[in-house]
Amino acid sequence: MYVLRVEHSVPEYEAWKRAFDGDPLGRGAVGVRAYRVMRPVGDPGRVLIDLDFDDREPAERMLTRLRELWSRLPAATTPPDGELTEVMETGRY
């Protein structure tokens, strides 16, 4: 499994969440199997998003599409950052 981790500064979480829920890139259609939205307890002005993929290629395509989307953000906006990771092991207790 591959996880695309995105870190994003969001001055207004509710406005950001509406945009996220609008799903402008069609997450399901491009191979996202699941997602998680998290906010650091000490920094609610940031979100961390994990997008899960079964295969690497769709995850890489999504990162490319996200970077294209981010390039159109206003210049005063801090652009999000994304990183593709491969899950090597999971466990439960």
N, C-alpha and C. Protein backbone atom coordinates (compact mmCIF):
# COMPACT_ATOMS: atom_id res chain seq x y z
N MET A 1 0.85 -1.18 0.00
CA MET A 1 0.00 0.00 0.00
C MET A 1 0.89 1.24 0.00
N TYR A 2 0.40 2.28 -0.62
CA TYR A 2 1.09 3.55 -0.69
C TYR A 2 0.22 4.62 -0.04
N VAL A 3 0.87 5.54 0.66
CA VAL A 3 0.17 6.63 1.31
C VAL A 3 0.75 7.94 0.82
N LEU A 4 -0.11 8.78 0.31
CA LEU A 4 0.28 10.13 -0.06
C LEU A 4 -0.06 11.02 1.12
N ARG A 5 0.96 11.56 1.77
CA ARG A 5 0.77 12.42 2.95
C ARG A 5 0.87 13.86 2.49
N VAL A 6 -0.13 14.64 2.82
CA VAL A 6 -0.18 16.06 2.47
C VAL A 6 -0.25 16.86 3.75
N GLU A 7 0.57 17.91 3.85
CA GLU A 7 0.53 18.85 4.96
C GLU A 7 0.13 20.20 4.40
N HIS A 8 -0.84 20.82 5.08
CA HIS A 8 -1.46 22.02 4.50
C HIS A 8 -1.78 23.01 5.61
N SER A 9 -1.34 24.26 5.46
CA SER A 9 -1.76 25.32 6.38
C SER A 9 -3.14 25.78 5.97
N VAL A 10 -4.05 25.87 6.93
CA VAL A 10 -5.42 26.26 6.62
C VAL A 10 -5.90 27.31 7.61
N PRO A 11 -5.96 28.57 7.19
CA PRO A 11 -6.38 29.62 8.10
C PRO A 11 -7.84 29.48 8.52
N GLU A 12 -8.67 28.88 7.67
CA GLU A 12 -10.09 28.67 8.00
C GLU A 12 -10.44 27.22 7.68
N TYR A 13 -10.40 26.38 8.72
CA TYR A 13 -10.61 24.94 8.53
C TYR A 13 -11.94 24.64 7.83
N GLU A 14 -13.03 25.26 8.26
CA GLU A 14 -14.34 24.95 7.68
C GLU A 14 -14.38 25.24 6.18
N ALA A 15 -13.77 26.35 5.75
CA ALA A 15 -13.72 26.68 4.32
C ALA A 15 -12.86 25.65 3.59
N TRP A 16 -11.73 25.30 4.17
CA TRP A 16 -10.88 24.27 3.56
C TRP A 16 -11.63 22.95 3.44
N LYS A 17 -12.34 22.57 4.51
CA LYS A 17 -13.05 21.28 4.53
C LYS A 17 -14.13 21.23 3.45
N ARG A 18 -14.82 22.35 3.23
CA ARG A 18 -15.82 22.38 2.15
C ARG A 18 -15.15 22.12 0.80
N ALA A 19 -14.00 22.73 0.58
CA ALA A 19 -13.27 22.52 -0.68
C ALA A 19 -12.80 21.06 -0.78
N PHE A 20 -12.30 20.52 0.31
CA PHE A 20 -11.86 19.12 0.32
C PHE A 20 -13.03 18.19 0.02
N ASP A 21 -14.16 18.43 0.67
CA ASP A 21 -15.34 17.60 0.46
C ASP A 21 -15.88 17.72 -0.96
N GLY A 22 -15.62 18.87 -1.62
CA GLY A 22 -16.03 19.05 -3.01
C GLY A 22 -15.26 18.14 -3.96
N ASP A 23 -14.12 17.64 -3.51
CA ASP A 23 -13.33 16.64 -4.23
C ASP A 23 -13.06 17.03 -5.69
N PRO A 24 -12.37 18.15 -5.91
CA PRO A 24 -12.18 18.63 -7.27
C PRO A 24 -11.36 17.71 -8.17
N LEU A 25 -10.58 16.80 -7.59
CA LEU A 25 -9.77 15.89 -8.41
C LEU A 25 -10.35 14.48 -8.50
N GLY A 26 -11.50 14.25 -7.89
CA GLY A 26 -12.14 12.93 -7.97
C GLY A 26 -11.29 11.83 -7.35
N ARG A 27 -11.10 11.92 -6.05
CA ARG A 27 -10.20 10.98 -5.37
C ARG A 27 -10.51 9.51 -5.67
N GLY A 28 -11.75 9.13 -5.56
CA GLY A 28 -12.11 7.72 -5.80
C GLY A 28 -11.83 7.27 -7.21
N ALA A 29 -12.07 8.14 -8.17
CA ALA A 29 -11.88 7.79 -9.58
C ALA A 29 -10.41 7.62 -9.94
N VAL A 30 -9.51 8.22 -9.18
CA VAL A 30 -8.08 8.11 -9.50
C VAL A 30 -7.36 7.10 -8.62
N GLY A 31 -8.09 6.36 -7.80
CA GLY A 31 -7.48 5.25 -7.07
C GLY A 31 -7.33 5.40 -5.58
N VAL A 32 -7.83 6.49 -4.99
CA VAL A 32 -7.76 6.62 -3.53
C VAL A 32 -8.72 5.59 -2.92
N ARG A 33 -8.19 4.76 -2.02
CA ARG A 33 -9.01 3.72 -1.37
C ARG A 33 -9.58 4.18 -0.03
N ALA A 34 -8.86 5.08 0.63
CA ALA A 34 -9.30 5.60 1.92
C ALA A 34 -8.53 6.89 2.17
N TYR A 35 -9.05 7.70 3.09
CA TYR A 35 -8.33 8.92 3.47
C TYR A 35 -8.55 9.20 4.94
N ARG A 36 -7.61 9.97 5.50
CA ARG A 36 -7.71 10.44 6.88
C ARG A 36 -7.35 11.91 6.88
N VAL A 37 -8.13 12.71 7.59
CA VAL A 37 -7.84 14.12 7.78
C VAL A 37 -7.55 14.31 9.26
N MET A 38 -6.39 14.89 9.56
CA MET A 38 -5.97 15.07 10.94
C MET A 38 -5.51 16.51 11.14
N ARG A 39 -5.64 16.98 12.38
CA ARG A 39 -5.10 18.30 12.74
C ARG A 39 -4.23 18.12 13.96
N PRO A 40 -3.03 18.70 13.94
CA PRO A 40 -2.18 18.64 15.13
C PRO A 40 -2.89 19.32 16.31
N VAL A 41 -2.87 18.70 17.45
CA VAL A 41 -3.55 19.22 18.63
C VAL A 41 -3.04 20.61 18.98
N GLY A 42 -1.75 20.83 18.84
CA GLY A 42 -1.17 22.13 19.19
C GLY A 42 -1.18 23.14 18.06
N ASP A 43 -1.69 22.77 16.88
CA ASP A 43 -1.68 23.68 15.74
C ASP A 43 -2.90 23.42 14.85
N PRO A 44 -4.09 23.87 15.29
CA PRO A 44 -5.31 23.59 14.52
C PRO A 44 -5.37 24.34 13.18
N GLY A 45 -4.38 25.18 12.89
CA GLY A 45 -4.32 25.87 11.61
C GLY A 45 -3.61 25.06 10.54
N ARG A 46 -3.31 23.81 10.84
CA ARG A 46 -2.68 22.90 9.87
C ARG A 46 -3.49 21.63 9.79
N VAL A 47 -3.51 21.04 8.61
CA VAL A 47 -4.11 19.72 8.46
C VAL A 47 -3.09 18.78 7.84
N LEU A 48 -3.22 17.53 8.20
CA LEU A 48 -2.45 16.44 7.61
C LEU A 48 -3.48 15.52 6.97
N ILE A 49 -3.25 15.17 5.73
CA ILE A 49 -4.17 14.31 5.00
C ILE A 49 -3.39 13.11 4.50
N ASP A 50 -3.89 11.92 4.78
CA ASP A 50 -3.32 10.69 4.24
C ASP A 50 -4.30 10.14 3.21
N LEU A 51 -3.80 9.90 2.01
CA LEU A 51 -4.59 9.28 0.94
C LEU A 51 -3.97 7.91 0.68
N ASP A 52 -4.76 6.85 0.83
CA ASP A 52 -4.27 5.48 0.67
C ASP A 52 -4.53 4.98 -0.75
N PHE A 53 -3.52 4.32 -1.31
CA PHE A 53 -3.59 3.75 -2.65
C PHE A 53 -3.10 2.30 -2.61
N ASP A 54 -3.66 1.47 -3.48
CA ASP A 54 -3.16 0.11 -3.62
C ASP A 54 -1.87 0.06 -4.43
N ASP A 55 -1.74 0.96 -5.40
CA ASP A 55 -0.62 0.93 -6.33
C ASP A 55 0.11 2.27 -6.38
N ARG A 56 1.37 2.22 -6.73
CA ARG A 56 2.22 3.41 -6.75
C ARG A 56 1.85 4.40 -7.85
N GLU A 57 1.61 3.91 -9.05
CA GLU A 57 1.38 4.81 -10.19
C GLU A 57 0.19 5.76 -9.97
N PRO A 58 -0.96 5.28 -9.52
CA PRO A 58 -2.06 6.23 -9.27
C PRO A 58 -1.71 7.26 -8.20
N ALA A 59 -0.93 6.85 -7.20
CA ALA A 59 -0.52 7.78 -6.14
C ALA A 59 0.40 8.86 -6.72
N GLU A 60 1.31 8.47 -7.59
CA GLU A 60 2.20 9.44 -8.22
C GLU A 60 1.41 10.40 -9.12
N ARG A 61 0.43 9.87 -9.84
CA ARG A 61 -0.40 10.73 -10.69
C ARG A 61 -1.19 11.73 -9.84
N MET A 62 -1.71 11.27 -8.71
CA MET A 62 -2.46 12.16 -7.83
C MET A 62 -1.56 13.26 -7.29
N LEU A 63 -0.33 12.93 -6.90
CA LEU A 63 0.59 13.95 -6.41
C LEU A 63 0.88 14.98 -7.50
N THR A 64 1.05 14.53 -8.72
CA THR A 64 1.27 15.46 -9.83
C THR A 64 0.06 16.37 -10.02
N ARG A 65 -1.14 15.80 -9.97
CA ARG A 65 -2.36 16.60 -10.12
C ARG A 65 -2.52 17.59 -8.97
N LEU A 66 -2.20 17.16 -7.76
CA LEU A 66 -2.28 18.06 -6.61
C LEU A 66 -1.30 19.22 -6.76
N ARG A 67 -0.09 18.92 -7.19
CA ARG A 67 0.90 19.99 -7.37
C ARG A 67 0.45 20.99 -8.43
N GLU A 68 -0.19 20.50 -9.47
CA GLU A 68 -0.74 21.41 -10.49
C GLU A 68 -1.82 22.29 -9.88
N LEU A 69 -2.70 21.69 -9.07
CA LEU A 69 -3.75 22.45 -8.39
C LEU A 69 -3.14 23.49 -7.45
N TRP A 70 -2.15 23.09 -6.68
CA TRP A 70 -1.52 23.99 -5.72
C TRP A 70 -0.81 25.14 -6.42
N SER A 71 -0.31 24.92 -7.62
CA SER A 71 0.40 25.98 -8.33
C SER A 71 -0.53 27.13 -8.71
N ARG A 72 -1.83 26.89 -8.67
CA ARG A 72 -2.81 27.93 -9.01
C ARG A 72 -3.32 28.67 -7.77
N LEU A 73 -2.80 28.33 -6.60
CA LEU A 73 -3.21 29.03 -5.38
C LEU A 73 -2.65 30.45 -5.40
N PRO A 74 -3.31 31.38 -4.72
CA PRO A 74 -2.79 32.75 -4.66
C PRO A 74 -1.36 32.77 -4.13
N ALA A 75 -0.57 33.70 -4.64
CA ALA A 75 0.85 33.78 -4.27
C ALA A 75 1.05 33.97 -2.77
N ALA A 76 0.12 34.62 -2.10
CA ALA A 76 0.26 34.87 -0.66
C ALA A 76 0.00 33.60 0.17
N THR A 77 -0.50 32.57 -0.46
CA THR A 77 -0.82 31.33 0.24
C THR A 77 0.42 30.44 0.33
N THR A 78 0.66 29.88 1.50
CA THR A 78 1.75 28.91 1.64
C THR A 78 1.31 27.62 0.96
N PRO A 79 2.04 27.17 -0.06
CA PRO A 79 1.59 25.98 -0.77
C PRO A 79 1.69 24.74 0.10
N PRO A 80 0.75 23.82 -0.05
CA PRO A 80 0.83 22.55 0.67
C PRO A 80 2.06 21.77 0.23
N ASP A 81 2.37 20.74 0.96
CA ASP A 81 3.47 19.87 0.62
C ASP A 81 2.96 18.44 0.61
N GLY A 82 3.43 17.64 -0.33
CA GLY A 82 3.01 16.25 -0.41
C GLY A 82 4.21 15.33 -0.53
N GLU A 83 4.06 14.13 0.03
CA GLU A 83 5.13 13.14 -0.03
C GLU A 83 4.50 11.76 -0.17
N LEU A 84 5.03 10.97 -1.08
CA LEU A 84 4.54 9.61 -1.28
C LEU A 84 5.37 8.65 -0.43
N THR A 85 4.68 7.79 0.32
CA THR A 85 5.35 6.81 1.16
C THR A 85 4.81 5.43 0.83
N GLU A 86 5.62 4.43 1.11
CA GLU A 86 5.20 3.03 0.95
C GLU A 86 5.06 2.43 2.34
N VAL A 87 3.93 1.80 2.59
CA VAL A 87 3.71 1.16 3.89
C VAL A 87 4.51 -0.14 3.90
N MET A 88 5.39 -0.25 4.85
CA MET A 88 6.25 -1.43 4.95
C MET A 88 5.70 -2.43 5.96
N GLU A 89 5.01 -1.92 6.97
CA GLU A 89 4.51 -2.82 8.01
C GLU A 89 3.43 -2.10 8.80
N THR A 90 2.44 -2.82 9.21
CA THR A 90 1.43 -2.30 10.12
C THR A 90 1.20 -3.32 11.22
N GLY A 91 0.66 -2.87 12.31
CA GLY A 91 0.36 -3.79 13.42
C GLY A 91 -0.74 -3.20 14.29
N ARG A 92 -1.31 -4.02 15.10
CA ARG A 92 -2.34 -3.60 16.05
C ARG A 92 -2.08 -4.24 17.39
N TYR A 93 -2.45 -3.53 18.44
CA TYR A 93 -2.32 -4.05 19.80
C TYR A 93 -3.66 -4.03 20.48
